[in-house]
Protein backbone atom coordinates (compact mmCIF):
# COMPACT_ATOMS: atom_id res chain seq x y z
CA MET A 1 58.48 -2.45 15.53
CA LYS A 2 56.50 -5.54 16.50
CA GLU A 3 54.69 -3.65 19.29
CA ASN A 4 53.82 -0.81 16.90
CA ASN A 5 52.37 -3.31 14.42
CA GLU A 6 50.24 -4.91 17.14
CA LYS A 7 48.91 -1.52 18.27
CA PHE A 8 48.07 -0.60 14.69
CA THR A 9 46.37 -3.93 13.98
CA ASP A 10 44.29 -3.54 17.14
CA LYS A 11 42.90 -0.31 15.68
CA VAL A 12 42.42 -1.92 12.28
CA TYR A 13 40.47 -4.72 13.91
CA TYR A 14 37.94 -2.16 15.15
CA VAL A 15 37.32 -1.12 11.54
CA GLN A 16 37.00 -4.77 10.48
CA ARG A 17 34.58 -5.63 13.27
CA ILE A 18 32.43 -2.53 12.77
CA ALA A 19 32.19 -3.18 9.01
CA THR A 20 31.25 -6.81 9.68
CA LEU A 21 28.72 -5.87 12.36
CA LEU A 22 27.02 -3.28 10.15
CA ALA A 23 26.92 -5.65 7.18
CA THR A 24 25.36 -8.34 9.37
CA ALA A 25 22.77 -6.02 10.89
CA LEU A 26 21.75 -4.46 7.57
CA ILE A 27 20.77 -7.79 6.02
CA PHE A 28 17.48 -7.46 7.95
CA PHE A 29 16.72 -3.88 6.86
CA PRO A 30 14.76 -3.55 3.58
CA ALA A 31 16.03 0.02 3.08
CA ALA A 32 19.60 -1.32 2.77
CA THR A 33 18.81 -4.16 0.35
CA PRO A 34 21.34 -4.16 -2.54
CA SER A 35 19.21 -6.61 -4.55
CA ARG A 36 16.21 -4.36 -5.26
CA ILE A 37 17.23 -3.56 -8.83
CA CYS A 38 13.75 -2.85 -10.17
CA THR A 39 10.40 -1.60 -8.92
CA MET A 40 8.82 -5.03 -9.35
CA ILE A 41 10.80 -6.30 -6.37
CA ASN A 42 8.95 -5.69 -3.14
CA LYS A 43 10.44 -2.71 -1.34
CA ASN A 44 9.89 -4.42 2.02
CA LEU A 45 12.20 -7.26 1.03
CA SER A 46 15.45 -7.50 2.98
CA LEU A 47 18.70 -9.06 1.78
CA PHE A 48 18.07 -11.94 4.18
CA THR A 49 14.73 -12.72 2.52
CA SER A 50 16.06 -12.10 -0.99
CA GLY A 51 18.87 -14.61 -0.54
CA LEU A 52 16.86 -17.36 1.12
CA PHE A 53 13.37 -17.22 -0.39
CA TYR A 54 13.15 -17.16 -4.18
CA SER A 55 9.34 -17.12 -4.06
CA SER A 56 9.38 -13.86 -2.10
CA LEU A 57 11.84 -12.32 -4.53
CA THR A 58 9.59 -13.14 -7.51
CA ALA A 59 6.22 -12.67 -5.79
CA GLU A 60 5.24 -9.70 -7.99
CA MET A 61 6.91 -10.83 -11.23
CA GLY A 62 4.47 -13.41 -12.54
CA ARG A 63 3.08 -11.10 -15.21
CA ALA A 64 6.55 -9.87 -16.16
CA PHE A 65 7.75 -13.46 -16.69
CA ASN A 66 4.68 -14.45 -18.70
CA ARG A 67 4.94 -11.45 -21.02
CA GLY A 68 8.70 -11.66 -21.38
CA TRP A 69 9.44 -8.31 -19.78
CA ILE A 70 12.05 -9.94 -17.57
CA VAL A 71 14.13 -12.99 -18.34
CA GLN A 72 13.75 -15.44 -15.46
CA GLY A 73 17.46 -16.24 -15.58
CA THR A 74 18.19 -12.65 -14.55
CA ILE A 75 16.22 -13.03 -11.33
CA VAL A 76 17.78 -16.44 -10.69
CA LEU A 77 21.19 -14.76 -11.01
CA LEU A 78 20.03 -12.06 -8.59
CA TYR A 79 18.85 -14.71 -6.13
CA VAL A 80 22.18 -16.57 -6.34
CA ALA A 81 24.07 -13.28 -5.87
CA SER A 82 22.05 -12.46 -2.75
CA LEU A 83 22.69 -15.95 -1.36
CA ILE A 84 26.44 -15.61 -2.03
CA MET A 85 26.44 -12.27 -0.22
CA LEU A 86 24.72 -13.83 2.78
CA LEU A 87 27.29 -16.63 2.88
CA GLY A 88 30.09 -14.09 2.60
CA ILE A 89 28.68 -12.02 5.45
CA ALA A 90 28.33 -15.18 7.55
CA ALA A 91 31.99 -16.08 6.89
CA ALA A 92 33.07 -12.53 7.74
CA ALA A 93 31.04 -12.67 10.98
CA ALA A 94 32.76 -15.94 11.91
CA GLY A 95 36.12 -14.31 11.21
CA GLY A 96 35.20 -11.37 13.39
CA CYS A 97 34.40 -13.73 16.27
CA MET A 98 37.74 -15.52 15.84
CA SER A 99 39.58 -12.19 16.02
CA LEU A 100 38.93 -12.20 19.77
CA GLY A 101 41.29 -15.15 20.25
CA ASN A 102 45.05 -15.49 20.32
CA LEU A 103 47.39 -14.94 17.37
CA LYS A 104 46.60 -18.31 15.78
CA PHE A 105 42.88 -17.68 16.11
CA LYS A 106 43.27 -14.21 14.60
CA ARG A 107 45.15 -15.65 11.64
CA LEU A 108 42.35 -18.11 10.96
CA GLY A 109 39.76 -15.37 11.49
CA ASN A 110 41.47 -13.17 8.90
CA ILE A 111 41.26 -16.01 6.39
CA PHE A 112 37.53 -16.35 7.06
CA SER A 113 37.09 -12.57 6.75
CA LEU A 114 39.01 -12.58 3.47
CA VAL A 115 36.81 -15.35 2.09
CA GLY A 116 33.75 -13.44 3.32
CA ALA A 117 34.88 -10.22 1.65
CA ALA A 118 35.52 -12.13 -1.58
CA GLY A 119 32.01 -13.60 -1.38
CA GLU A 120 30.49 -10.18 -0.83
CA ILE A 121 32.40 -8.74 -3.78
CA LEU A 122 31.30 -11.63 -6.01
CA GLY A 123 27.71 -11.14 -4.89
CA LEU A 124 27.86 -7.41 -5.63
CA ILE A 125 29.32 -8.08 -9.08
CA LEU A 126 26.54 -10.54 -9.92
CA ILE A 127 23.92 -8.09 -8.64
CA TYR A 128 25.36 -5.42 -10.93
CA VAL A 129 25.27 -7.85 -13.86
CA SER A 130 21.60 -8.52 -13.08
CA TYR A 131 20.95 -4.78 -12.95
CA VAL A 132 22.60 -4.28 -16.35
CA GLN A 133 20.45 -7.07 -17.80
CA ILE A 134 17.31 -5.49 -16.35
CA GLN A 135 18.33 -2.10 -17.70
CA GLY A 136 18.85 -3.55 -21.12
CA THR A 137 15.32 -4.92 -21.48
CA SER A 138 13.08 -3.52 -24.21
CA ASN A 139 10.26 -2.92 -21.71
CA TYR A 140 12.32 -0.47 -19.70
CA ASP A 141 9.39 1.62 -18.51
CA LYS A 142 7.31 -1.39 -17.38
CA VAL A 143 10.09 -3.09 -15.46
CA GLY A 144 11.38 0.08 -13.80
CA PRO A 145 15.12 -0.59 -13.31
CA MET A 146 16.64 1.21 -10.34
CA PHE A 147 20.07 1.29 -8.78
CA PRO A 148 19.62 0.49 -5.07
CA THR A 149 21.17 2.73 -2.42
CA GLY A 150 22.00 -0.35 -0.39
CA TYR A 151 24.42 -1.40 -3.10
CA ILE A 152 26.64 1.62 -2.36
CA VAL A 153 26.41 0.98 1.39
CA TYR A 154 27.48 -2.65 1.04
CA LEU A 155 30.20 -1.73 -1.44
CA ILE A 156 31.74 0.68 1.09
CA LEU A 157 31.48 -1.85 3.93
CA THR A 158 32.98 -4.61 1.77
CA VAL A 159 35.93 -2.43 0.74
CA LEU A 160 36.58 -1.52 4.39
CA LEU A 161 36.41 -5.19 5.36
CA LEU A 162 38.74 -6.24 2.54
CA VAL A 163 41.35 -3.53 3.19
CA SER A 164 41.38 -4.06 6.97
CA THR A 165 41.63 -7.83 6.57
CA ILE A 166 44.55 -7.61 4.14
CA ALA A 167 46.29 -5.14 6.46
CA ASN A 168 45.92 -7.52 9.38
CA LEU A 169 47.19 -10.47 7.35
CA VAL A 170 50.27 -8.51 6.31
CA LEU A 171 51.10 -6.88 9.64
CA LEU A 172 50.30 -9.66 12.08
CA PRO A 173 53.25 -11.97 12.82
CA LYS A 174 52.88 -15.64 12.01
CA PRO A 175 51.92 -17.80 14.98
CA GLU A 176 54.14 -20.57 16.18
CA LYS A 177 53.40 -23.94 14.62
CA ASP A 178 53.00 -25.77 17.92
CA SER A 179 50.66 -23.13 19.44
CA ASN A 180 47.03 -23.94 20.17
CA TYR A 181 43.84 -22.05 19.45
CA GLU A 182 43.10 -20.15 22.65
CA MET A 183 40.67 -17.47 23.75
CA GLU A 184 40.04 -15.66 27.02
CA SER A 185 37.10 -16.88 29.07
CA ARG A 186 35.33 -13.52 28.90
CA PHE A 187 35.36 -13.65 25.11
CA LYS A 188 34.11 -17.24 25.14
CA LEU A 189 31.20 -16.20 27.32
CA PHE A 190 30.52 -13.25 25.05
CA LEU A 191 30.39 -15.48 21.97
CA MET A 192 28.08 -17.89 23.78
CA PHE A 193 25.78 -14.98 24.57
CA LEU A 194 25.98 -13.47 21.06
CA PRO A 195 23.43 -15.80 19.32
CA PHE A 196 20.82 -15.00 21.97
CA ALA A 197 21.56 -11.28 21.68
CA THR A 198 21.14 -11.59 17.90
CA LEU A 199 17.79 -13.35 18.28
CA CYS A 200 16.69 -10.70 20.77
CA PHE A 201 17.67 -7.97 18.30
CA VAL A 202 15.89 -9.60 15.37
CA PHE A 203 12.64 -10.46 17.16
CA SER A 204 12.43 -7.77 19.86
CA TYR A 205 14.19 -4.63 18.64
CA LEU A 206 14.04 -4.87 14.85
CA PRO A 207 10.20 -4.89 14.84
CA LEU A 208 10.30 -1.46 16.51
CA TRP A 209 11.01 -0.15 13.01
CA GLY A 210 7.29 -0.71 12.41
CA TRP A 211 6.45 2.05 14.88
CA ARG A 212 6.86 4.54 12.03
CA TYR A 213 3.38 3.55 10.78
CA ALA A 214 1.92 5.43 13.74
CA PHE A 215 2.88 8.74 12.11
CA PHE A 216 1.28 8.13 8.70
CA ASN A 217 -2.15 7.63 7.17
CA TYR A 218 -1.23 4.11 6.15
CA SER A 219 -3.37 1.31 4.80
CA ALA A 220 -2.27 -2.19 3.85
CA GLY A 221 -0.40 -2.20 0.56
CA GLY A 222 0.19 1.55 0.61
CA THR A 223 3.42 3.50 0.83
CA LEU A 224 4.93 5.86 3.39
CA SER A 225 5.73 9.34 2.14
CA MET A 226 5.48 12.95 3.22
CA GLU A 227 2.12 13.14 1.47
CA ASN A 228 0.48 10.86 4.05
CA PHE A 229 2.59 11.97 7.01
CA VAL A 230 0.24 13.13 9.81
CA GLY A 231 2.59 13.51 12.78
CA PHE A 232 0.83 12.86 16.10
CA LYS A 233 -2.68 12.75 14.67
CA TRP A 234 -3.32 9.16 15.73
CA PHE A 235 -1.91 9.81 19.20
CA THR A 236 -4.36 12.64 19.79
CA SER A 237 -7.28 10.71 18.27
CA LEU A 238 -6.64 7.97 20.82
CA PHE A 239 -7.80 10.37 23.54
CA GLN A 240 -10.15 12.63 21.58
CA SER A 241 -12.37 9.98 19.99
CA GLN A 242 -15.03 8.97 22.49
CA ALA A 243 -15.62 5.58 20.83
CA THR A 244 -11.93 4.72 20.81
CA LYS A 245 -11.52 5.95 24.37
CA SER A 246 -14.40 3.77 25.64
CA ASP A 247 -13.02 0.74 23.79
CA VAL A 248 -9.54 1.25 25.24
CA VAL A 249 -10.95 1.65 28.76
CA ARG A 250 -12.97 -1.54 28.33
CA VAL A 251 -10.09 -3.67 27.08
CA LEU A 252 -7.77 -2.21 29.72
CA ARG A 253 -10.27 -3.24 32.38
CA ASN A 254 -10.33 -6.79 31.01
CA THR A 255 -6.55 -6.91 30.62
CA LEU A 256 -5.78 -5.63 34.11
CA ALA A 257 -8.42 -7.88 35.67
CA MET A 258 -7.16 -11.07 34.06
CA SER A 259 -3.50 -10.17 34.50
CA GLY A 260 -4.21 -9.23 38.09
CA LEU A 261 -5.82 -12.60 38.73
CA GLY A 262 -2.79 -14.27 37.15
CA ILE A 263 -0.40 -12.34 39.38
CA ALA A 264 -2.54 -13.02 42.48
CA THR A 265 -2.38 -16.76 41.79
CA SER A 266 1.23 -16.85 40.56
CA TRP A 267 2.27 -18.44 43.87
CA CYS A 268 0.35 -21.60 42.88
CA ALA A 269 3.17 -22.74 40.58
CA MET A 270 5.66 -22.39 43.44
CA ALA A 271 3.35 -24.26 45.82
CA PHE A 272 2.83 -26.99 43.23
CA ALA A 273 6.59 -27.37 42.83
CA ILE A 274 7.10 -27.60 46.61
CA PHE A 275 4.47 -30.30 47.05
CA LEU A 276 5.66 -32.14 43.95
CA ASN A 277 9.16 -32.24 45.40
CA GLU A 278 7.77 -33.94 48.52
CA ILE A 279 6.58 -36.98 46.56
CA LYS A 280 9.04 -39.69 47.50
CA ASN A 281 8.16 -42.13 44.74
CA ILE A 282 10.44 -40.98 41.90
CA ARG A 283 8.42 -42.67 39.13
CA PHE A 284 5.13 -41.22 40.32
CA ARG A 285 6.72 -37.77 40.72
CA ARG A 286 8.04 -37.87 37.15
CA PHE A 287 4.64 -39.01 35.90
CA VAL A 288 2.87 -36.12 37.64
CA GLN A 289 5.42 -33.59 36.39
CA THR A 290 5.17 -34.88 32.82
CA PHE A 291 1.37 -35.09 32.95
CA THR A 292 1.06 -31.48 34.15
CA THR A 293 3.69 -30.11 31.74
CA ILE A 294 2.26 -31.62 28.55
CA PRO A 295 -0.74 -29.19 28.36
CA ASN A 296 1.70 -26.31 27.86
CA PHE A 297 2.58 -27.76 24.44
CA ILE A 298 -1.05 -28.03 23.35
CA SER A 299 -2.20 -25.12 21.21
CA TRP A 300 -5.12 -23.01 22.39
CA VAL A 301 -7.12 -24.20 19.38
CA LEU A 302 -6.92 -27.77 20.69
CA VAL A 303 -7.67 -26.55 24.20
CA TYR A 304 -10.85 -24.96 22.90
CA ALA A 305 -11.68 -28.23 21.10
CA ILE A 306 -11.36 -30.02 24.45
CA ALA A 307 -13.52 -27.36 26.13
CA PHE A 308 -16.11 -27.66 23.35
CA ALA A 309 -16.21 -31.45 23.77
CA ILE A 310 -16.86 -31.04 27.48
CA PHE A 311 -19.02 -27.91 27.89
CA SER A 312 -20.92 -27.46 24.63
CA THR A 313 -24.63 -28.22 24.25
CA ASP A 314 -23.89 -31.81 23.20
CA GLY A 315 -20.76 -32.05 25.31
CA PHE A 316 -19.81 -34.45 28.06
CA VAL A 317 -21.38 -32.41 30.90
CA ASN A 318 -24.81 -32.17 29.29
CA THR A 319 -24.69 -35.78 28.09
CA ALA A 320 -23.83 -37.02 31.58
CA ALA A 321 -26.57 -34.85 33.09
CA ALA A 322 -29.11 -36.32 30.68
CA GLN A 323 -28.05 -39.89 31.46
CA LEU A 324 -28.22 -39.21 35.20
CA GLY A 325 -31.75 -37.85 34.83
CA ILE A 326 -30.86 -34.28 35.70
CA LEU A 327 -32.00 -33.24 32.21
CA SER A 328 -35.15 -34.69 30.67
CA SER A 329 -35.08 -35.95 27.12
CA GLY A 330 -36.85 -32.82 25.83
CA ASP A 331 -34.59 -30.32 27.57
CA VAL A 332 -31.78 -28.63 25.70
CA GLY A 333 -28.42 -28.63 27.44
CA THR A 334 -26.68 -25.41 28.40
CA ASN A 335 -23.81 -24.22 26.22
CA TYR A 336 -21.45 -23.10 28.98
CA LEU A 337 -18.97 -21.66 26.46
CA MET A 338 -21.54 -19.06 25.37
CA SER A 339 -22.03 -17.77 28.87
CA ASN A 340 -20.58 -14.40 29.88
CA SER A 341 -20.70 -15.06 33.62
CA HIS A 342 -17.41 -15.43 35.52
CA ILE A 343 -15.49 -15.33 32.24
CA TRP A 344 -12.35 -13.98 33.93
CA ILE A 345 -12.33 -16.90 36.38
CA LYS A 346 -12.88 -19.37 33.55
CA MET A 347 -9.95 -17.96 31.56
CA LEU A 348 -7.77 -18.09 34.68
CA ALA A 349 -8.72 -21.73 35.27
CA TRP A 350 -7.90 -22.74 31.70
CA GLY A 351 -4.63 -20.83 31.85
CA MET A 352 -3.61 -22.49 35.12
CA TRP A 353 -4.48 -25.95 33.82
CA LYS A 354 -2.39 -25.33 30.74
CA GLY A 355 0.62 -23.62 32.32
CA ILE A 356 1.04 -24.54 35.98
CA GLY A 357 3.25 -27.56 35.27
CA TRP A 358 5.46 -25.57 32.92
CA SER A 359 5.70 -22.62 35.33
CA ALA A 360 6.73 -24.96 38.14
CA ILE A 361 9.88 -26.10 36.30
CA ILE A 362 11.91 -23.06 37.33
CA TYR A 363 10.92 -23.58 40.97
CA ILE A 364 11.81 -27.28 40.80
CA ALA A 365 15.23 -26.23 39.52
CA GLY A 366 15.44 -23.71 42.37
CA ILE A 367 14.68 -26.42 44.93
CA SER A 368 17.51 -28.56 43.60
CA GLY A 369 19.88 -25.65 44.28
CA ILE A 370 18.99 -25.34 47.97
CA ASP A 371 21.77 -26.51 50.28
CA GLN A 372 20.91 -29.98 51.59
CA GLN A 373 22.68 -29.21 54.87
CA LEU A 374 19.80 -26.87 55.71
CA TYR A 375 17.38 -29.80 55.57
CA GLU A 376 19.72 -31.93 57.67
CA ALA A 377 20.01 -29.16 60.27
CA ALA A 378 16.23 -28.76 60.33
CA THR A 379 15.83 -32.51 60.85
CA VAL A 380 18.28 -32.41 63.76
CA ASP A 381 16.25 -29.57 65.29
CA GLY A 382 13.15 -31.77 65.14
CA ALA A 383 11.43 -30.14 62.13
CA GLY A 384 8.88 -32.26 60.34
CA ARG A 385 8.14 -32.35 56.63
CA PHE A 386 5.83 -29.32 56.62
CA ALA A 387 8.14 -27.36 58.89
CA LYS A 388 11.03 -27.93 56.48
CA MET A 389 8.83 -26.89 53.57
CA TRP A 390 7.87 -23.68 55.37
CA HIS A 391 11.22 -22.73 56.90
CA VAL A 392 13.72 -24.08 54.34
CA THR A 393 12.18 -24.69 50.91
CA LEU A 394 9.91 -21.66 50.79
CA PRO A 395 12.57 -19.10 51.85
CA GLY A 396 14.94 -20.63 49.32
CA LEU A 397 12.42 -20.03 46.53
CA ILE A 398 11.37 -16.50 47.51
CA PRO A 399 14.16 -14.78 45.46
CA THR A 400 13.13 -16.74 42.35
CA TYR A 401 9.46 -15.94 42.97
CA CYS A 402 10.24 -12.23 43.34
CA VAL A 403 12.06 -12.17 40.00
CA MET A 404 9.15 -13.94 38.29
CA LEU A 405 6.72 -11.55 40.00
CA LEU A 406 8.61 -8.52 38.70
CA MET A 407 8.52 -9.96 35.20
CA SER A 408 4.78 -10.58 35.53
CA ILE A 409 4.17 -7.00 36.65
CA ALA A 410 6.17 -5.69 33.69
CA ASN A 411 4.05 -7.82 31.34
CA ILE A 412 0.74 -6.97 32.97
CA LEU A 413 -0.54 -5.46 29.71
CA SER A 414 0.76 -8.36 27.59
CA ASN A 415 -1.26 -11.38 28.58
CA GLY A 416 -1.43 -12.86 25.09
CA MET A 417 -4.12 -13.14 22.47
CA ASP A 418 -4.54 -16.78 21.42
CA GLN A 419 -6.53 -17.89 24.45
CA TYR A 420 -9.04 -15.07 24.29
CA MET A 421 -9.33 -15.20 20.52
CA VAL A 422 -10.41 -18.85 20.42
CA PHE A 423 -12.81 -18.55 23.40
CA HIS A 424 -14.51 -15.31 22.35
CA ASN A 425 -17.99 -15.03 20.87
CA LYS A 426 -20.60 -12.32 20.49
CA VAL A 427 -21.92 -12.89 24.00
CA ASN A 428 -18.63 -12.59 25.93
CA LEU A 429 -16.64 -10.28 23.63
CA ASP A 430 -17.03 -7.22 25.86
CA THR A 431 -15.49 -8.97 28.86
CA ILE A 432 -12.97 -11.29 27.20
CA GLN A 433 -11.31 -8.90 24.74
CA VAL A 434 -7.88 -7.94 26.10
CA LEU A 435 -5.46 -5.33 24.79
CA ASP A 436 -3.47 -7.61 22.45
CA PHE A 437 -6.67 -9.06 21.01
CA TYR A 438 -8.05 -5.54 20.53
CA VAL A 439 -4.90 -4.41 18.71
CA TYR A 440 -5.17 -7.46 16.43
CA THR A 441 -8.84 -6.75 15.70
CA LEU A 442 -8.21 -3.06 15.11
CA GLY A 443 -5.16 -3.49 12.89
CA ILE A 444 -5.70 -6.75 11.00
CA GLN A 445 -9.48 -7.13 10.82
CA ASN A 446 -10.49 -3.45 10.63
CA GLY A 447 -7.39 -2.28 8.75
CA ASN A 448 -6.63 0.63 11.09
CA ILE A 449 -2.92 -0.09 11.26
CA PRO A 450 -1.72 3.37 12.47
CA LEU A 451 -4.05 3.46 15.49
CA SER A 452 -3.25 -0.13 16.46
CA THR A 453 0.46 0.75 16.21
CA VAL A 454 -0.08 3.72 18.55
CA ILE A 455 -1.81 1.51 21.11
CA GLY A 456 1.02 -1.03 20.88
CA MET A 457 3.58 1.74 21.40
CA VAL A 458 1.76 3.09 24.46
CA LYS A 459 1.52 -0.44 25.86
CA SER A 460 5.27 -0.97 25.46
CA VAL A 461 6.10 2.33 27.13
CA ILE A 462 3.79 1.60 30.07
CA SER A 463 5.29 -1.90 30.44
CA VAL A 464 8.81 -0.45 30.66
CA ILE A 465 7.65 2.10 33.26
CA LEU A 466 5.98 -0.66 35.30
CA LEU A 467 9.14 -2.77 35.15
CA PHE A 468 11.35 0.00 36.51
CA ALA A 469 8.75 0.98 39.11
CA ALA A 470 8.44 -2.61 40.38
CA ASN A 471 12.22 -2.95 40.26
CA GLY A 472 12.62 0.21 42.36
CA ILE A 473 10.09 -1.01 44.92
CA SER A 474 11.86 -4.37 45.12
CA LYS A 475 15.20 -2.66 45.65
CA ALA A 476 13.75 -0.43 48.38
CA VAL A 477 11.94 -3.26 50.21
CA ARG A 478 14.23 -6.27 49.67
CA GLY A 479 17.50 -4.57 48.77
CA GLU A 480 17.64 -6.65 45.56
CA SER A 481 16.58 -5.91 41.99
CA ILE A 482 16.82 -7.41 38.49
CA VAL A 483 17.83 -4.26 36.63
């Protein structure tokens, strides 16, 4: 009987975990928001935003509050209900994680899941009360009450969570009093990895939902419906429009050129790390490492301010030239930042100055992992310092360099925007504008969101293809790969 109960509870746990996982994932999807009880609430608002940011929840209700269409206490109640639901989902998620442990852990996890289910039910009840209050207003047509579809979805998930949790509490045997909380190592590692997987989902995969704008005639503030659905119109216009085609070719040339220069000089960080490791004075080595790493934490706006102070018309270079007599008092200094010559090399130089110390950290860590017996054996064989660097340190860092090189090739079309945005001007725009900067200009400044989305989609697809191609070449040549 006990074995049958354990087999049944194992199946019930799948229901509990799936319900918890779906409830957790849907808090980021606006379409599943249970708190959108009237049309004055932004339809792009997720449960996560509704429960944490009251200003976002009431962003479009200023007029309704002033004219008394909506009682502010109703929206406060809705905000509190959303927050309670979020706390309940968080408690249920914690209970789901504990269900991977031993019997004592599962018991505690069921308690957390029960509390979470109770919180979700309370939140749903308060949301329904808010909806009833909205529906009972005299300005019914102006407020636009609506019963959200997400409410039904969360109600079903909450009922499944509650029933499965109660079943587990009833059927699971009580743990022994002197037992400890234990969990298998593989589950511990999984739970350690879970926060990073969640962040990756939220910031890398969830934004892919925005790709749907590529199939509509959308403008900022508009809506998506079958009336403005255009299918693959923007995909075809990308290749049919001569102006767009020439712009894309131009920015691709700039992107590939500057990314190519970055890849061609990517070995500099490894070389810097090797030579830095050879400094015997520990204090001086730490000073150099700190001094070269700090620029990575300086924003590109401040970097441009430094460049302006040095290379502008009244900058340090022109001032020094005037004091040295190279420029006469009547001459006007050259504004080197306005020049379009060698702009790719200039951007590479600024990028290396800013990032070489930071990029060297992973190689410094790799050097610390090289077996010291190899250096001792090389010393016995009569190898000098440079011979040990060439025959021991460098081969030990090659696998790390190859992984970083593969990642760089995969990101060859994603070389950032900040640097080129702050350094651009009318003179150098044609040669400094890269793909990310072009997408920003096209979508945000010009308002052509669908076409900029199409270009972003194509860039992502090409990046994935490049990653697998480079990975295949690495596997064929070196016998090792990262995928």
